[in-house]
Amino acid sequence: MPQLFNVCAKKIYEKDGQKKIKWYNAGLMKITDAGKKYLIFFHQPMIEYHLFERDVTLPEIQIEEKPAERSE
C-alpha cells in the first residue's frame, strides 16, 4: 500500500506576546510499493516531481558563456 506524507510550510508569528506556529498544507509526497517517490505541490497541480537518491550520478551539464555581441 502506498505511503502518503503531507508537505507543509511553517509560518512563525507572534500573538499576545507568544510565538505561534501555523502549518500550511502545501502538497503531498507519495512513496509507492515499488519504492518510487513523488512530490506534488497543490499550487502546481499538473506537475509531478520525481525524487531520486542523492548518490545517483547525474550527467553534468556545461554551459558556455558567449561574449556579448557589439552593436556599432
PDB file of N, CA and C in Angstrom:
ATOM      1  N   MET A   1       0.847  -1.185   0.000  1.00  0.00           N
ATOM      2  CA  MET A   1       0.000   0.000   0.000  1.00  0.00           C
ATOM      3  C   MET A   1       0.893   1.250   0.000  1.00  0.00           C
ATOM      4  N   PRO A   2       0.661   2.174  -0.928  1.00  0.00           N
ATOM      5  CA  PRO A   2       1.496   3.382  -0.995  1.00  0.00           C
ATOM      6  C   PRO A   2       1.396   4.210   0.289  1.00  0.00           C
ATOM      7  N   GLN A   3       2.483   4.916   0.583  1.00  0.00           N
ATOM      8  CA  GLN A   3       2.510   5.818   1.733  1.00  0.00           C
ATOM      9  C   GLN A   3       2.317   7.239   1.236  1.00  0.00           C
ATOM     10  N   LEU A   4       1.555   8.035   1.977  1.00  0.00           N
ATOM     11  CA  LEU A   4       1.345   9.442   1.661  1.00  0.00           C
ATOM     12  C   LEU A   4       1.800  10.289   2.843  1.00  0.00           C
ATOM     13  N   PHE A   5       2.542  11.356   2.548  1.00  0.00           N
ATOM     14  CA  PHE A   5       3.006  12.282   3.569  1.00  0.00           C
ATOM     15  C   PHE A   5       2.558  13.688   3.201  1.00  0.00           C
ATOM     16  N   ASN A   6       2.140  14.468   4.182  1.00  0.00           N
ATOM     17  CA  ASN A   6       1.829  15.869   3.947  1.00  0.00           C
ATOM     18  C   ASN A   6       3.120  16.655   3.793  1.00  0.00           C
ATOM     19  N   VAL A   7       3.146  17.574   2.855  1.00  0.00           N
ATOM     20  CA  VAL A   7       4.247  18.525   2.700  1.00  0.00           C
ATOM     21  C   VAL A   7       3.706  19.851   3.211  1.00  0.00           C
ATOM     22  N   CYS A   8       4.329  20.370   4.256  1.00  0.00           N
ATOM     23  CA  CYS A   8       3.795  21.556   4.923  1.00  0.00           C
ATOM     24  C   CYS A   8       4.805  22.693   4.940  1.00  0.00           C
ATOM     25  N   ALA A   9       4.283  23.910   4.936  1.00  0.00           N
ATOM     26  CA  ALA A   9       5.096  25.114   5.090  1.00  0.00           C
ATOM     27  C   ALA A   9       4.784  25.688   6.465  1.00  0.00           C
ATOM     28  N   LYS A  10       5.827  26.163   7.144  1.00  0.00           N
ATOM     29  CA  LYS A  10       5.666  26.668   8.506  1.00  0.00           C
ATOM     30  C   LYS A  10       5.742  28.190   8.511  1.00  0.00           C
ATOM     31  N   LYS A  11       4.790  28.815   9.186  1.00  0.00           N
ATOM     32  CA  LYS A  11       4.819  30.267   9.375  1.00  0.00           C
ATOM     33  C   LYS A  11       4.857  30.532  10.880  1.00  0.00           C
ATOM     34  N   ILE A  12       5.886  31.269  11.304  1.00  0.00           N
ATOM     35  CA  ILE A  12       6.017  31.628  12.721  1.00  0.00           C
ATOM     36  C   ILE A  12       5.520  33.058  12.878  1.00  0.00           C
ATOM     37  N   TYR A  13       4.652  33.275  13.838  1.00  0.00           N
ATOM     38  CA  TYR A  13       4.129  34.611  14.093  1.00  0.00           C
ATOM     39  C   TYR A  13       3.985  34.802  15.592  1.00  0.00           C
ATOM     40  N   GLU A  14       3.705  36.021  15.975  1.00  0.00           N
ATOM     41  CA  GLU A  14       3.557  36.332  17.392  1.00  0.00           C
ATOM     42  C   GLU A  14       2.128  36.797  17.663  1.00  0.00           C
ATOM     43  N   LYS A  15       1.544  36.258  18.731  1.00  0.00           N
ATOM     44  CA  LYS A  15       0.189  36.638  19.119  1.00  0.00           C
ATOM     45  C   LYS A  15       0.156  36.730  20.639  1.00  0.00           C
ATOM     46  N   ASP A  16      -0.318  37.841  21.140  1.00  0.00           N
ATOM     47  CA  ASP A  16      -0.396  38.085  22.579  1.00  0.00           C
ATOM     48  C   ASP A  16       0.954  37.863  23.263  1.00  0.00           C
ATOM     49  N   GLY A  17       2.037  38.274  22.588  1.00  0.00           N
ATOM     50  CA  GLY A  17       3.369  38.166  23.165  1.00  0.00           C
ATOM     51  C   GLY A  17       3.978  36.772  23.118  1.00  0.00           C
ATOM     52  N   GLN A  18       3.302  35.822  22.504  1.00  0.00           N
ATOM     53  CA  GLN A  18       3.826  34.460  22.417  1.00  0.00           C
ATOM     54  C   GLN A  18       4.056  34.067  20.959  1.00  0.00           C
ATOM     55  N   LYS A  19       5.131  33.318  20.740  1.00  0.00           N
ATOM     56  CA  LYS A  19       5.384  32.813  19.395  1.00  0.00           C
ATOM     57  C   LYS A  19       4.429  31.668  19.097  1.00  0.00           C
ATOM     58  N   LYS A  20       3.848  31.735  17.923  1.00  0.00           N
ATOM     59  CA  LYS A  20       2.925  30.697  17.474  1.00  0.00           C
ATOM     60  C   LYS A  20       3.420  30.166  16.137  1.00  0.00           C
ATOM     61  N   ILE A  21       3.003  28.956  15.816  1.00  0.00           N
ATOM     62  CA  ILE A  21       3.352  28.347  14.537  1.00  0.00           C
ATOM     63  C   ILE A  21       2.067  27.937  13.833  1.00  0.00           C
ATOM     64  N   LYS A  22       1.980  28.307  12.563  1.00  0.00           N
ATOM     65  CA  LYS A  22       0.844  27.903  11.738  1.00  0.00           C
ATOM     66  C   LYS A  22       1.399  27.047  10.606  1.00  0.00           C
ATOM     67  N   TRP A  23       0.810  25.892  10.393  1.00  0.00           N
ATOM     68  CA  TRP A  23       1.242  24.974   9.340  1.00  0.00           C
ATOM     69  C   TRP A  23       0.264  25.057   8.177  1.00  0.00           C
ATOM     70  N   TYR A  24       0.802  25.238   6.980  1.00  0.00           N
ATOM     71  CA  TYR A  24       0.003  25.275   5.762  1.00  0.00           C
ATOM     72  C   TYR A  24       0.301  24.025   4.951  1.00  0.00           C
ATOM     73  N   ASN A  25      -0.733  23.336   4.528  1.00  0.00           N
ATOM     74  CA  ASN A  25      -0.571  22.128   3.729  1.00  0.00           C
ATOM     75  C   ASN A  25      -0.238  22.541   2.298  1.00  0.00           C
ATOM     76  N   ALA A  26       0.997  22.263   1.856  1.00  0.00           N
ATOM     77  CA  ALA A  26       1.474  22.707   0.544  1.00  0.00           C
ATOM     78  C   ALA A  26       1.406  21.616  -0.518  1.00  0.00           C
ATOM     79  N   GLY A  27       1.312  20.345  -0.112  1.00  0.00           N
ATOM     80  CA  GLY A  27       1.286  19.273  -1.096  1.00  0.00           C
ATOM     81  C   GLY A  27       1.390  17.903  -0.458  1.00  0.00           C
ATOM     82  N   LEU A  28       1.768  16.935  -1.278  1.00  0.00           N
ATOM     83  CA  LEU A  28       1.884  15.545  -0.830  1.00  0.00           C
ATOM     84  C   LEU A  28       3.174  14.922  -1.347  1.00  0.00           C
ATOM     85  N   MET A  29       3.743  14.023  -0.552  1.00  0.00           N
ATOM     86  CA  MET A  29       4.814  13.156  -1.021  1.00  0.00           C
ATOM     87  C   MET A  29       4.262  11.741  -0.996  1.00  0.00           C
ATOM     88  N   LYS A  30       4.453  11.038  -2.106  1.00  0.00           N
ATOM     89  CA  LYS A  30       3.931   9.674  -2.223  1.00  0.00           C
ATOM     90  C   LYS A  30       5.088   8.720  -2.435  1.00  0.00           C
ATOM     91  N   ILE A  31       5.092   7.609  -1.686  1.00  0.00           N
ATOM     92  CA  ILE A  31       6.064   6.541  -1.886  1.00  0.00           C
ATOM     93  C   ILE A  31       5.269   5.304  -2.294  1.00  0.00           C
ATOM     94  N   THR A  32       5.577   4.782  -3.481  1.00  0.00           N
ATOM     95  CA  THR A  32       4.832   3.635  -3.993  1.00  0.00           C
ATOM     96  C   THR A  32       5.351   2.347  -3.373  1.00  0.00           C
ATOM     97  N   ASP A  33       4.644   1.263  -3.611  1.00  0.00           N
ATOM     98  CA  ASP A  33       5.069  -0.053  -3.124  1.00  0.00           C
ATOM     99  C   ASP A  33       6.416  -0.453  -3.736  1.00  0.00           C
ATOM    100  N   ALA A  34       6.704   0.045  -4.935  1.00  0.00           N
ATOM    101  CA  ALA A  34       7.966  -0.255  -5.600  1.00  0.00           C
ATOM    102  C   ALA A  34       9.101   0.648  -5.099  1.00  0.00           C
ATOM    103  N   GLY A  35       8.778   1.592  -4.195  1.00  0.00           N
ATOM    104  CA  GLY A  35       9.801   2.464  -3.622  1.00  0.00           C
ATOM    105  C   GLY A  35      10.018   3.770  -4.366  1.00  0.00           C
ATOM    106  N   LYS A  36       9.245   4.030  -5.411  1.00  0.00           N
ATOM    107  CA  LYS A  36       9.375   5.293  -6.141  1.00  0.00           C
ATOM    108  C   LYS A  36       8.761   6.415  -5.318  1.00  0.00           C
ATOM    109  N   LYS A  37       9.386   7.607  -5.402  1.00  0.00           N
ATOM    110  CA  LYS A  37       8.944   8.744  -4.595  1.00  0.00           C
ATOM    111  C   LYS A  37       8.522   9.885  -5.509  1.00  0.00           C
ATOM    112  N   TYR A  38       7.391  10.499  -5.178  1.00  0.00           N
ATOM    113  CA  TYR A  38       6.832  11.599  -5.951  1.00  0.00           C
ATOM    114  C   TYR A  38       6.471  12.735  -5.015  1.00  0.00           C
ATOM    115  N   LEU A  39       6.567  13.951  -5.527  1.00  0.00           N
ATOM    116  CA  LEU A  39       6.214  15.134  -4.768  1.00  0.00           C
ATOM    117  C   LEU A  39       5.235  15.942  -5.601  1.00  0.00           C
ATOM    118  N   ILE A  40       4.116  16.312  -4.996  1.00  0.00           N
ATOM    119  CA  ILE A  40       3.081  17.072  -5.685  1.00  0.00           C
ATOM    120  C   ILE A  40       2.761  18.300  -4.844  1.00  0.00           C
ATOM    121  N   PHE A  41       2.877  19.491  -5.465  1.00  0.00           N
ATOM    122  CA  PHE A  41       2.507  20.729  -4.783  1.00  0.00           C
ATOM    123  C   PHE A  41       1.117  21.144  -5.251  1.00  0.00           C
ATOM    124  N   PHE A  42       0.281  21.584  -4.326  1.00  0.00           N
ATOM    125  CA  PHE A  42      -1.081  21.955  -4.673  1.00  0.00           C
ATOM    126  C   PHE A  42      -1.137  23.194  -5.570  1.00  0.00           C
ATOM    127  N   HIS A  43      -0.155  24.092  -5.467  1.00  0.00           N
ATOM    128  CA  HIS A  43      -0.176  25.292  -6.307  1.00  0.00           C
ATOM    129  C   HIS A  43       0.341  25.016  -7.725  1.00  0.00           C
ATOM    130  N   GLN A  44       0.823  23.791  -7.977  1.00  0.00           N
ATOM    131  CA  GLN A  44       1.242  23.365  -9.317  1.00  0.00           C
ATOM    132  C   GLN A  44       0.655  21.974  -9.573  1.00  0.00           C
ATOM    133  N   PRO A  45      -0.655  21.891  -9.723  1.00  0.00           N
ATOM    134  CA  PRO A  45      -1.315  20.580  -9.756  1.00  0.00           C
ATOM    135  C   PRO A  45      -0.996  19.705 -10.968  1.00  0.00           C
ATOM    136  N   MET A  46      -0.517  20.270 -12.053  1.00  0.00           N
ATOM    137  CA  MET A  46      -0.253  19.469 -13.252  1.00  0.00           C
ATOM    138  C   MET A  46       1.192  18.968 -13.326  1.00  0.00           C
ATOM    139  N   ILE A  47       1.993  19.240 -12.267  1.00  0.00           N
ATOM    140  CA  ILE A  47       3.395  18.824 -12.266  1.00  0.00           C
ATOM    141  C   ILE A  47       3.616  17.812 -11.151  1.00  0.00           C
ATOM    142  N   GLU A  48       4.197  16.672 -11.512  1.00  0.00           N
ATOM    143  CA  GLU A  48       4.540  15.647 -10.534  1.00  0.00           C
ATOM    144  C   GLU A  48       6.060  15.524 -10.505  1.00  0.00           C
ATOM    145  N   TYR A  49       6.662  15.833  -9.368  1.00  0.00           N
ATOM    146  CA  TYR A  49       8.114  15.778  -9.225  1.00  0.00           C
ATOM    147  C   TYR A  49       8.523  14.356  -8.828  1.00  0.00           C
ATOM    148  N   HIS A  50       9.585  13.866  -9.421  1.00  0.00           N
ATOM    149  CA  HIS A  50      10.112  12.545  -9.108  1.00  0.00           C
ATOM    150  C   HIS A  50      11.351  12.737  -8.244  1.00  0.00           C
ATOM    151  N   LEU A  51      11.450  12.008  -7.138  1.00  0.00           N
ATOM    152  CA  LEU A  51      12.572  12.133  -6.217  1.00  0.00           C
ATOM    153  C   LEU A  51      13.519  10.953  -6.399  1.00  0.00           C
ATOM    154  N   PHE A  52      14.828  11.257  -6.438  1.00  0.00           N
ATOM    155  CA  PHE A  52      15.846  10.237  -6.621  1.00  0.00           C
ATOM    156  C   PHE A  52      16.870  10.341  -5.503  1.00  0.00           C
ATOM    157  N   GLU A  53      17.499   9.220  -5.183  1.00  0.00           N
ATOM    158  CA  GLU A  53      18.557   9.203  -4.174  1.00  0.00           C
ATOM    159  C   GLU A  53      19.685  10.118  -4.611  1.00  0.00           C
ATOM    160  N   ARG A  54      20.330  10.757  -3.683  1.00  0.00           N
ATOM    161  CA  ARG A  54      21.383  11.719  -3.988  1.00  0.00           C
ATOM    162  C   ARG A  54      22.634  11.059  -4.560  1.00  0.00           C
ATOM    163  N   ASP A  55      22.925   9.818  -4.201  1.00  0.00           N
ATOM    164  CA  ASP A  55      24.164   9.185  -4.638  1.00  0.00           C
ATOM    165  C   ASP A  55      24.124   8.711  -6.092  1.00  0.00           C
ATOM    166  N   VAL A  56      23.001   8.859  -6.763  1.00  0.00           N
ATOM    167  CA  VAL A  56      22.907   8.501  -8.175  1.00  0.00           C
ATOM    168  C   VAL A  56      23.677   9.551  -8.971  1.00  0.00           C
ATOM    169  N   THR A  57      24.562   9.096  -9.831  1.00  0.00           N
ATOM    170  CA  THR A  57      25.359  10.022 -10.630  1.00  0.00           C
ATOM    171  C   THR A  57      24.517  10.568 -11.765  1.00  0.00           C
ATOM    172  N   LEU A  58      24.386  11.887 -11.782  1.00  0.00           N
ATOM    173  CA  LEU A  58      23.646  12.548 -12.842  1.00  0.00           C
ATOM    174  C   LEU A  58      24.638  13.186 -13.809  1.00  0.00           C
ATOM    175  N   PRO A  59      24.273  13.291 -15.074  1.00  0.00           N
ATOM    176  CA  PRO A  59      25.200  13.903 -16.029  1.00  0.00           C
ATOM    177  C   PRO A  59      25.425  15.374 -15.691  1.00  0.00           C
ATOM    178  N   GLU A  60      26.661  15.806 -15.873  1.00  0.00           N
ATOM    179  CA  GLU A  60      26.997  17.202 -15.609  1.00  0.00           C
ATOM    180  C   GLU A  60      26.801  17.996 -16.889  1.00  0.00           C
ATOM    181  N   ILE A  61      26.127  19.119 -16.775  1.00  0.00           N
ATOM    182  CA  ILE A  61      25.859  19.963 -17.933  1.00  0.00           C
ATOM    183  C   ILE A  61      26.777  21.172 -17.868  1.00  0.00           C
ATOM    184  N   GLN A  62      27.528  21.389 -18.943  1.00  0.00           N
ATOM    185  CA  GLN A  62      28.421  22.536 -19.030  1.00  0.00           C
ATOM    186  C   GLN A  62      27.749  23.610 -19.875  1.00  0.00           C
ATOM    187  N   ILE A  63      27.650  24.800 -19.330  1.00  0.00           N
ATOM    188  CA  ILE A  63      27.075  25.923 -20.061  1.00  0.00           C
ATOM    189  C   ILE A  63      28.193  26.904 -20.349  1.00  0.00           C
ATOM    190  N   GLU A  64      28.400  27.171 -21.625  1.00  0.00           N
ATOM    191  CA  GLU A  64      29.442  28.104 -22.018  1.00  0.00           C
ATOM    192  C   GLU A  64      28.825  29.471 -22.228  1.00  0.00           C
ATOM    193  N   GLU A  65      29.490  30.479 -21.698  1.00  0.00           N
ATOM    194  CA  GLU A  65      29.015  31.834 -21.901  1.00  0.00           C
ATOM    195  C   GLU A  65      29.630  32.385 -23.171  1.00  0.00           C
ATOM    196  N   LYS A  66      28.791  32.951 -24.021  1.00  0.00           N
ATOM    197  CA  LYS A  66      29.281  33.571 -25.241  1.00  0.00           C
ATOM    198  C   LYS A  66      29.491  35.054 -24.968  1.00  0.00           C
ATOM    199  N   PRO A  67      30.548  35.630 -25.537  1.00  0.00           N
ATOM    200  CA  PRO A  67      30.730  37.065 -25.341  1.00  0.00           C
ATOM    201  C   PRO A  67      29.591  37.849 -25.973  1.00  0.00           C
ATOM    202  N   ALA A  68      29.228  38.950 -25.365  1.00  0.00           N
ATOM    203  CA  ALA A  68      28.128  39.766 -25.886  1.00  0.00           C
ATOM    204  C   ALA A  68      28.513  40.360 -27.232  1.00  0.00           C
ATOM    205  N   GLU A  69      27.559  40.385 -28.145  1.00  0.00           N
ATOM    206  CA  GLU A  69      27.813  40.964 -29.455  1.00  0.00           C
ATOM    207  C   GLU A  69      27.832  42.475 -29.347  1.00  0.00           C
ATOM    208  N   ARG A  70      28.703  43.073 -30.093  1.00  0.00           N
ATOM    209  CA  ARG A  70      28.814  44.525 -30.076  1.00  0.00           C
ATOM    210  C   ARG A  70      27.911  45.131 -31.125  1.00  0.00           C
ATOM    211  N   SER A  71      27.230  46.168 -30.769  1.00  0.00           N
ATOM    212  CA  SER A  71      26.438  46.894 -31.754  1.00  0.00           C
ATOM    213  C   SER A  71      27.136  48.210 -32.031  1.00  0.00           C
ATOM    214  N   GLU A  72      27.325  48.506 -33.293  1.00  0.00           N
ATOM    215  CA  GLU A  72      28.065  49.723 -33.668  1.00  0.00           C
ATOM    216  C   GLU A  72      27.178  50.732 -34.310  1.00  0.00           C
TER     217      GLU A  72
END
